[in-house]
Amino acid sequence: MTSQSVINTREDLDAIKDTNPAEHAKFMEYLKGSMTRKQDAAVYPEGYNTPGYDGDKVEPVWSDVEDLSTIERFGFSKSDLL
């Protein structure tokens, strides 16, 4: 049974680069994948989804939004991961 490293900081990530390159590469892919998130852009009427609302149902409109907060927390920029 293999154990995974605990990666909370850039230092943790850098520490496994040479000793466990596969895990390092996998975490880098996770970081790359975190650069966008889904956000609902639908416009909802006042009082929607509250008790007593009896208007039409509004379907979510999902769009991709760039969010670099996770990679920046690890000391990376967008260009580092492209």
Protein backbone atom coordinates (compact mmCIF):
# COMPACT_ATOMS: atom_id res chain seq x y z
CA MET A 1 0.00 0.00 0.00
CA THR A 2 1.45 3.34 -1.02
CA SER A 3 0.77 6.52 0.84
CA GLN A 4 0.21 9.90 -0.68
CA SER A 5 2.07 12.96 0.44
CA VAL A 6 0.26 15.72 2.24
CA ILE A 7 0.59 18.79 0.02
CA ASN A 8 -0.52 22.00 1.68
CA THR A 9 2.13 24.43 0.44
CA ARG A 10 4.47 25.05 -2.46
CA GLU A 11 7.29 23.76 -0.27
CA ASP A 12 5.43 20.46 0.20
CA LEU A 13 4.98 20.20 -3.56
CA ASP A 14 8.61 21.03 -4.32
CA ALA A 15 9.76 18.45 -1.76
CA ILE A 16 8.26 15.56 -3.77
CA LYS A 17 9.39 16.72 -7.21
CA ASP A 18 12.46 14.45 -7.30
CA THR A 19 11.37 11.73 -4.87
CA ASN A 20 7.89 11.14 -6.29
CA PRO A 21 7.66 12.70 -9.77
CA ALA A 22 4.40 10.91 -10.66
CA GLU A 23 2.60 12.35 -7.64
CA HIS A 24 4.12 15.77 -8.37
CA ALA A 25 2.89 15.65 -11.97
CA LYS A 26 -0.58 14.54 -10.85
CA PHE A 27 -0.85 17.43 -8.38
CA MET A 28 0.31 19.88 -11.06
CA GLU A 29 -2.52 18.61 -13.29
CA TYR A 30 -4.96 19.18 -10.42
CA LEU A 31 -3.68 22.73 -10.06
CA LYS A 32 -4.04 23.32 -13.79
CA GLY A 33 -7.61 22.03 -13.63
CA SER A 34 -8.43 24.42 -10.80
CA MET A 35 -7.91 27.50 -12.98
CA THR A 36 -11.57 27.54 -14.07
CA ARG A 37 -14.77 26.92 -12.20
CA LYS A 38 -18.42 26.69 -13.16
CA GLN A 39 -20.67 29.58 -12.16
CA ASP A 40 -24.39 29.96 -12.57
CA ALA A 41 -25.08 33.09 -14.65
CA ALA A 42 -28.87 32.80 -14.71
CA VAL A 43 -30.94 35.77 -13.55
CA TYR A 44 -33.36 34.80 -10.81
CA PRO A 45 -36.44 36.83 -9.84
CA GLU A 46 -36.66 38.33 -6.38
CA GLY A 47 -37.76 35.76 -3.84
CA TYR A 48 -36.79 32.82 -6.03
CA ASN A 49 -36.21 29.59 -4.13
CA THR A 50 -37.82 30.90 -0.95
CA PRO A 51 -40.94 29.60 0.81
CA GLY A 52 -44.06 30.82 -0.96
CA TYR A 53 -42.43 31.48 -4.34
CA ASP A 54 -44.84 30.30 -7.01
CA GLY A 55 -43.28 31.69 -10.16
CA ASP A 56 -41.64 29.88 -13.03
CA LYS A 57 -38.67 27.61 -12.48
CA VAL A 58 -35.40 29.09 -13.76
CA GLU A 59 -32.81 26.68 -15.12
CA PRO A 60 -29.16 27.43 -14.29
CA VAL A 61 -26.95 28.82 -17.04
CA TRP A 62 -23.49 27.42 -16.37
CA SER A 63 -20.44 29.26 -17.63
CA ASP A 64 -16.72 28.81 -17.08
CA VAL A 65 -15.06 31.50 -14.99
CA GLU A 66 -11.32 31.88 -14.60
CA ASP A 67 -10.29 31.56 -10.95
CA LEU A 68 -6.57 31.63 -10.25
CA SER A 69 -6.85 31.76 -6.46
CA THR A 70 -5.72 28.15 -5.90
CA ILE A 71 -2.66 28.29 -8.14
CA GLU A 72 -1.72 31.68 -6.69
CA ARG A 73 -1.93 30.19 -3.19
CA PHE A 74 0.75 27.74 -4.31
CA GLY A 75 2.89 30.52 -5.79
CA PHE A 76 2.14 29.89 -9.48
CA SER A 77 0.86 32.18 -12.20
CA LYS A 78 -1.33 31.21 -15.13
CA SER A 79 1.65 31.26 -17.50
CA ASP A 80 3.50 28.77 -15.26
CA LEU A 81 0.85 26.13 -15.93
CA LEU A 82 0.09 26.67 -19.60
